[in-house]
Amino acid sequence: MSRAVFLDRDGTLIELVHHLTDPGDVRLIPGAGAAVRRLRAAGWKVVIVTNQSVIGRGKLTEAGLAEVHAEMARQLAAEGTQVDAILFCPLAPAQKDPTVIEDVMRKPGPGMLLGAAAEMGLELPACWMVGDTVSDMLAGRNAGCHTLLVRTGYGADYAHDIGALDGEAPDLAAAADIILNKTKNEEQP
């Protein structure tokens, strides 16, 4: 079994653009590429899990999403890294409450994390979910992972149950430090 850091995409790894459809709008958050590189160098799988309601809303096709992800991959490669997998849910929400599971595959449902765990042989209690929304945190909780809120993207205004989180960080670079330091301390005798 191995372990992974699950990352939300928008507002966590790349700058938040509401309903992102244009690859030209993709920008890595400063320090995010280096954070992914450090996690992978330490033996972690890095898996993007992202709700992509733009597809369900008819604003973007799966081919268009692939172009957005290709640009993100190009920017990560320029920083000497990559992600191990990208999973997305194309469903548009039927209601506005981000704490309600409408479909197991759409965060806060744990479906994408559970699927990745089954496919990649991941031990979920050893994994982390890093994101900027309550639905990210709940997806991690619902899958049995540790959770870290980043204060980028929507995380700057996060006012949900902070006590239910395992931690928070100003950005992905700091989140990677927390994960790497915590696991380093746990592995020492």
C-alpha atoms as a PDB file:
ATOM      1  CA  MET A   1       0.000   0.000   0.000  1.00  0.00           C
ATOM      2  CA  SER A   2       1.104   3.533  -0.672  1.00  0.00           C
ATOM      3  CA  ARG A   3      -0.011   7.000   0.316  1.00  0.00           C
ATOM      4  CA  ALA A   4      -1.141  10.083  -1.549  1.00  0.00           C
ATOM      5  CA  VAL A   5      -1.846  13.742  -1.161  1.00  0.00           C
ATOM      6  CA  PHE A   6      -5.159  14.513  -2.840  1.00  0.00           C
ATOM      7  CA  LEU A   7      -5.278  18.077  -4.115  1.00  0.00           C
ATOM      8  CA  ASP A   8      -8.184  20.196  -5.123  1.00  0.00           C
ATOM      9  CA  ARG A   9      -7.314  22.017  -8.352  1.00  0.00           C
ATOM     10  CA  ASP A  10      -8.850  25.522  -8.402  1.00  0.00           C
ATOM     11  CA  GLY A  11      -7.731  27.740  -5.546  1.00  0.00           C
ATOM     12  CA  THR A  12      -5.314  25.097  -4.239  1.00  0.00           C
ATOM     13  CA  LEU A  13      -2.900  24.179  -7.041  1.00  0.00           C
ATOM     14  CA  ILE A  14      -3.878  26.803  -9.613  1.00  0.00           C
ATOM     15  CA  GLU A  15      -5.268  30.277  -9.156  1.00  0.00           C
ATOM     16  CA  LEU A  16      -9.018  30.434  -8.677  1.00  0.00           C
ATOM     17  CA  VAL A  17     -10.892  31.383 -11.841  1.00  0.00           C
ATOM     18  CA  HIS A  18     -14.668  30.974 -11.501  1.00  0.00           C
ATOM     19  CA  HIS A  19     -15.805  28.355 -14.044  1.00  0.00           C
ATOM     20  CA  LEU A  20     -12.372  28.066 -15.693  1.00  0.00           C
ATOM     21  CA  THR A  21     -12.712  27.211 -19.389  1.00  0.00           C
ATOM     22  CA  ASP A  22      -9.710  28.887 -21.054  1.00  0.00           C
ATOM     23  CA  PRO A  23      -6.283  27.192 -20.792  1.00  0.00           C
ATOM     24  CA  GLY A  24      -4.786  30.682 -21.084  1.00  0.00           C
ATOM     25  CA  ASP A  25      -6.186  31.467 -17.625  1.00  0.00           C
ATOM     26  CA  VAL A  26      -4.300  28.619 -15.927  1.00  0.00           C
ATOM     27  CA  ARG A  27      -1.684  29.894 -13.468  1.00  0.00           C
ATOM     28  CA  LEU A  28       0.024  27.823 -10.796  1.00  0.00           C
ATOM     29  CA  ILE A  29      -0.227  29.398  -7.360  1.00  0.00           C
ATOM     30  CA  PRO A  30       3.279  30.571  -6.392  1.00  0.00           C
ATOM     31  CA  GLY A  31       5.154  27.732  -4.693  1.00  0.00           C
ATOM     32  CA  ALA A  32       2.644  25.068  -5.752  1.00  0.00           C
ATOM     33  CA  GLY A  33       4.876  23.419  -8.346  1.00  0.00           C
ATOM     34  CA  ALA A  34       7.753  23.162  -5.882  1.00  0.00           C
ATOM     35  CA  ALA A  35       5.355  21.727  -3.281  1.00  0.00           C
ATOM     36  CA  VAL A  36       4.233  18.973  -5.666  1.00  0.00           C
ATOM     37  CA  ARG A  37       7.868  18.253  -6.552  1.00  0.00           C
ATOM     38  CA  ARG A  38       8.849  17.938  -2.864  1.00  0.00           C
ATOM     39  CA  LEU A  39       5.907  15.666  -2.053  1.00  0.00           C
ATOM     40  CA  ARG A  40       6.662  13.355  -4.962  1.00  0.00           C
ATOM     41  CA  ALA A  41      10.391  13.312  -4.101  1.00  0.00           C
ATOM     42  CA  ALA A  42       9.418  12.133  -0.600  1.00  0.00           C
ATOM     43  CA  GLY A  43       7.484   9.200  -2.084  1.00  0.00           C
ATOM     44  CA  TRP A  44       3.954  10.605  -2.073  1.00  0.00           C
ATOM     45  CA  LYS A  45       1.551  10.153  -4.962  1.00  0.00           C
ATOM     46  CA  VAL A  46      -0.114  13.456  -5.880  1.00  0.00           C
ATOM     47  CA  VAL A  47      -3.656  13.116  -7.175  1.00  0.00           C
ATOM     48  CA  ILE A  48      -5.900  15.970  -8.324  1.00  0.00           C
ATOM     49  CA  VAL A  49      -9.588  15.519  -7.385  1.00  0.00           C
ATOM     50  CA  THR A  50     -11.717  18.284  -8.821  1.00  0.00           C
ATOM     51  CA  ASN A  51     -15.407  19.061  -9.260  1.00  0.00           C
ATOM     52  CA  GLN A  52     -15.857  20.328 -12.824  1.00  0.00           C
ATOM     53  CA  SER A  53     -19.445  21.518 -13.010  1.00  0.00           C
ATOM     54  CA  VAL A  54     -18.472  23.567 -16.085  1.00  0.00           C
ATOM     55  CA  ILE A  55     -18.993  20.350 -18.047  1.00  0.00           C
ATOM     56  CA  GLY A  56     -22.407  19.654 -16.504  1.00  0.00           C
ATOM     57  CA  ARG A  57     -23.373  23.277 -17.102  1.00  0.00           C
ATOM     58  CA  GLY A  58     -22.455  22.978 -20.796  1.00  0.00           C
ATOM     59  CA  LYS A  59     -19.672  25.598 -20.578  1.00  0.00           C
ATOM     60  CA  LEU A  60     -16.816  23.190 -21.374  1.00  0.00           C
ATOM     61  CA  THR A  61     -16.409  19.793 -23.030  1.00  0.00           C
ATOM     62  CA  GLU A  62     -14.212  16.982 -21.727  1.00  0.00           C
ATOM     63  CA  ALA A  63     -11.845  17.764 -24.611  1.00  0.00           C
ATOM     64  CA  GLY A  64     -11.700  21.382 -23.414  1.00  0.00           C
ATOM     65  CA  LEU A  65     -10.993  20.193 -19.880  1.00  0.00           C
ATOM     66  CA  ALA A  66      -8.144  18.067 -21.247  1.00  0.00           C
ATOM     67  CA  GLU A  67      -6.678  21.246 -22.793  1.00  0.00           C
ATOM     68  CA  VAL A  68      -6.891  23.035 -19.427  1.00  0.00           C
ATOM     69  CA  HIS A  69      -5.168  20.087 -17.750  1.00  0.00           C
ATOM     70  CA  ALA A  70      -2.519  19.945 -20.485  1.00  0.00           C
ATOM     71  CA  GLU A  71      -1.631  23.577 -19.744  1.00  0.00           C
ATOM     72  CA  MET A  72      -1.499  22.840 -16.017  1.00  0.00           C
ATOM     73  CA  ALA A  73       0.766  19.839 -16.755  1.00  0.00           C
ATOM     74  CA  ARG A  74       2.992  22.025 -18.960  1.00  0.00           C
ATOM     75  CA  GLN A  75       3.427  24.529 -16.127  1.00  0.00           C
ATOM     76  CA  LEU A  76       4.162  21.769 -13.624  1.00  0.00           C
ATOM     77  CA  ALA A  77       6.712  20.233 -16.020  1.00  0.00           C
ATOM     78  CA  ALA A  78       8.410  23.633 -16.278  1.00  0.00           C
ATOM     79  CA  GLU A  79       8.874  23.362 -12.496  1.00  0.00           C
ATOM     80  CA  GLY A  80      10.287  19.833 -12.821  1.00  0.00           C
ATOM     81  CA  THR A  81       7.271  17.871 -11.656  1.00  0.00           C
ATOM     82  CA  GLN A  82       3.920  16.334 -12.522  1.00  0.00           C
ATOM     83  CA  VAL A  83       0.878  14.830 -10.835  1.00  0.00           C
ATOM     84  CA  ASP A  84       0.214  11.104 -10.736  1.00  0.00           C
ATOM     85  CA  ALA A  85      -3.470  11.303 -11.686  1.00  0.00           C
ATOM     86  CA  ILE A  86      -6.304  13.735 -12.312  1.00  0.00           C
ATOM     87  CA  LEU A  87      -9.844  12.729 -11.411  1.00  0.00           C
ATOM     88  CA  PHE A  88     -12.844  14.950 -12.040  1.00  0.00           C
ATOM     89  CA  CYS A  89     -16.578  14.919 -11.532  1.00  0.00           C
ATOM     90  CA  PRO A  90     -18.478  16.621 -14.383  1.00  0.00           C
ATOM     91  CA  LEU A  91     -21.790  16.928 -12.560  1.00  0.00           C
ATOM     92  CA  ALA A  92     -23.354  20.309 -11.883  1.00  0.00           C
ATOM     93  CA  PRO A  93     -24.852  20.647  -8.399  1.00  0.00           C
ATOM     94  CA  ALA A  94     -28.626  20.653  -8.069  1.00  0.00           C
ATOM     95  CA  GLN A  95     -28.498  22.809  -4.905  1.00  0.00           C
ATOM     96  CA  LYS A  96     -26.085  25.256  -3.271  1.00  0.00           C
ATOM     97  CA  ASP A  97     -25.193  23.550   0.021  1.00  0.00           C
ATOM     98  CA  PRO A  98     -21.535  22.403  -0.313  1.00  0.00           C
ATOM     99  CA  THR A  99     -21.920  20.055   2.664  1.00  0.00           C
ATOM    100  CA  VAL A 100     -24.579  17.852   1.019  1.00  0.00           C
ATOM    101  CA  ILE A 101     -23.539  14.761  -0.918  1.00  0.00           C
ATOM    102  CA  GLU A 102     -25.652  14.773  -4.076  1.00  0.00           C
ATOM    103  CA  ASP A 103     -23.576  12.112  -5.805  1.00  0.00           C
ATOM    104  CA  VAL A 104     -20.784   9.998  -4.315  1.00  0.00           C
ATOM    105  CA  MET A 105     -18.394  11.159  -7.054  1.00  0.00           C
ATOM    106  CA  ARG A 106     -18.954  14.900  -6.494  1.00  0.00           C
ATOM    107  CA  LYS A 107     -17.147  16.392  -3.501  1.00  0.00           C
ATOM    108  CA  PRO A 108     -18.083  16.370  -0.613  1.00  0.00           C
ATOM    109  CA  GLY A 109     -18.717  12.767  -1.650  1.00  0.00           C
ATOM    110  CA  PRO A 110     -15.629  10.568  -1.277  1.00  0.00           C
ATOM    111  CA  GLY A 111     -15.997   8.734  -4.604  1.00  0.00           C
ATOM    112  CA  MET A 112     -13.003  10.177  -6.433  1.00  0.00           C
ATOM    113  CA  LEU A 113     -10.715   9.500  -3.467  1.00  0.00           C
ATOM    114  CA  LEU A 114     -12.080   5.989  -2.963  1.00  0.00           C
ATOM    115  CA  GLY A 115     -11.671   5.239  -6.670  1.00  0.00           C
ATOM    116  CA  ALA A 116      -8.084   6.467  -6.701  1.00  0.00           C
ATOM    117  CA  ALA A 117      -7.330   4.434  -3.578  1.00  0.00           C
ATOM    118  CA  ALA A 118      -8.678   1.252  -5.150  1.00  0.00           C
ATOM    119  CA  GLU A 119      -6.892   1.836  -8.447  1.00  0.00           C
ATOM    120  CA  MET A 120      -3.558   2.950  -6.985  1.00  0.00           C
ATOM    121  CA  GLY A 121      -3.435   0.755  -3.870  1.00  0.00           C
ATOM    122  CA  LEU A 122      -3.575   3.707  -1.471  1.00  0.00           C
ATOM    123  CA  GLU A 123      -4.014   3.419   2.275  1.00  0.00           C
ATOM    124  CA  LEU A 124      -6.582   6.179   2.901  1.00  0.00           C
ATOM    125  CA  PRO A 125      -5.870   6.708   6.647  1.00  0.00           C
ATOM    126  CA  ALA A 126      -2.291   7.602   5.624  1.00  0.00           C
ATOM    127  CA  CYS A 127      -3.461  10.017   2.904  1.00  0.00           C
ATOM    128  CA  TRP A 128      -4.169  13.739   3.033  1.00  0.00           C
ATOM    129  CA  MET A 129      -6.800  15.876   1.319  1.00  0.00           C
ATOM    130  CA  VAL A 130      -5.666  19.454   0.708  1.00  0.00           C
ATOM    131  CA  GLY A 131      -8.161  22.018  -0.538  1.00  0.00           C
ATOM    132  CA  ASP A 132      -9.755  25.403  -0.096  1.00  0.00           C
ATOM    133  CA  THR A 133     -13.453  24.571   0.449  1.00  0.00           C
ATOM    134  CA  VAL A 134     -15.726  22.802   2.889  1.00  0.00           C
ATOM    135  CA  SER A 135     -16.557  20.246   0.183  1.00  0.00           C
ATOM    136  CA  ASP A 136     -12.833  19.420  -0.122  1.00  0.00           C
ATOM    137  CA  MET A 137     -12.498  18.965   3.635  1.00  0.00           C
ATOM    138  CA  LEU A 138     -15.616  16.807   3.842  1.00  0.00           C
ATOM    139  CA  ALA A 139     -14.535  14.658   0.887  1.00  0.00           C
ATOM    140  CA  GLY A 140     -11.307  13.946   2.750  1.00  0.00           C
ATOM    141  CA  ARG A 141     -13.144  13.230   6.000  1.00  0.00           C
ATOM    142  CA  ASN A 142     -15.700  11.037   4.225  1.00  0.00           C
ATOM    143  CA  ALA A 143     -12.864   9.011   2.677  1.00  0.00           C
ATOM    144  CA  GLY A 144     -11.037   8.651   6.017  1.00  0.00           C
ATOM    145  CA  CYS A 145      -8.099  10.947   5.143  1.00  0.00           C
ATOM    146  CA  HIS A 146      -6.353  13.694   7.052  1.00  0.00           C
ATOM    147  CA  THR A 147      -7.465  17.165   5.937  1.00  0.00           C
ATOM    148  CA  LEU A 148      -5.611  20.424   5.436  1.00  0.00           C
ATOM    149  CA  LEU A 149      -7.299  23.665   4.460  1.00  0.00           C
ATOM    150  CA  VAL A 150      -5.287  26.138   2.411  1.00  0.00           C
ATOM    151  CA  ARG A 151      -6.134  29.826   2.722  1.00  0.00           C
ATOM    152  CA  THR A 152      -5.774  30.447  -1.000  1.00  0.00           C
ATOM    153  CA  GLY A 153      -8.801  30.555  -3.300  1.00  0.00           C
ATOM    154  CA  TYR A 154     -12.037  30.233  -1.334  1.00  0.00           C
ATOM    155  CA  GLY A 155     -10.031  29.199   1.737  1.00  0.00           C
ATOM    156  CA  ALA A 156      -9.372  32.846   2.547  1.00  0.00           C
ATOM    157  CA  ASP A 157     -13.026  33.139   3.598  1.00  0.00           C
ATOM    158  CA  TYR A 158     -13.489  29.630   5.030  1.00  0.00           C
ATOM    159  CA  ALA A 159     -15.755  29.899   8.075  1.00  0.00           C
ATOM    160  CA  HIS A 160     -17.016  26.339   8.478  1.00  0.00           C
ATOM    161  CA  ASP A 161     -16.096  23.959  11.296  1.00  0.00           C
ATOM    162  CA  ILE A 162     -12.386  24.728  11.711  1.00  0.00           C
ATOM    163  CA  GLY A 163     -12.239  22.318  14.663  1.00  0.00           C
ATOM    164  CA  ALA A 164     -13.059  19.422  12.342  1.00  0.00           C
ATOM    165  CA  LEU A 165      -9.937  20.015  10.247  1.00  0.00           C
ATOM    166  CA  ASP A 166      -6.582  18.431  10.914  1.00  0.00           C
ATOM    167  CA  GLY A 167      -4.934  21.731  10.108  1.00  0.00           C
ATOM    168  CA  GLU A 168      -4.689  24.760   7.897  1.00  0.00           C
ATOM    169  CA  ALA A 169      -1.921  26.457   5.967  1.00  0.00           C
ATOM    170  CA  PRO A 170      -1.531  29.716   4.078  1.00  0.00           C
ATOM    171  CA  ASP A 171      -0.900  27.867   0.790  1.00  0.00           C
ATOM    172  CA  LEU A 172       0.081  24.549  -0.788  1.00  0.00           C
ATOM    173  CA  ALA A 173       3.790  25.106  -0.124  1.00  0.00           C
ATOM    174  CA  ALA A 174       3.108  25.413   3.614  1.00  0.00           C
ATOM    175  CA  ALA A 175       0.684  22.458   3.482  1.00  0.00           C
ATOM    176  CA  ALA A 176       3.434  20.316   1.954  1.00  0.00           C
ATOM    177  CA  ASP A 177       5.762  21.368   4.789  1.00  0.00           C
ATOM    178  CA  ILE A 178       3.153  20.292   7.362  1.00  0.00           C
ATOM    179  CA  ILE A 179       2.605  16.900   5.700  1.00  0.00           C
ATOM    180  CA  LEU A 180       6.311  16.211   5.218  1.00  0.00           C
ATOM    181  CA  ASN A 181       7.236  17.287   8.768  1.00  0.00           C
ATOM    182  CA  LYS A 182       4.391  15.325  10.360  1.00  0.00           C
ATOM    183  CA  THR A 183       5.192  12.116   8.517  1.00  0.00           C
ATOM    184  CA  LYS A 184       8.931  12.569   9.126  1.00  0.00           C
ATOM    185  CA  ASN A 185       8.273  12.865  12.870  1.00  0.00           C
ATOM    186  CA  GLU A 186       5.971   9.809  12.842  1.00  0.00           C
ATOM    187  CA  GLU A 187       8.609   7.706  11.079  1.00  0.00           C
ATOM    188  CA  GLN A 188      11.384   8.522  13.549  1.00  0.00           C
ATOM    189  CA  PRO A 189      11.799   6.097  16.471  1.00  0.00           C
END
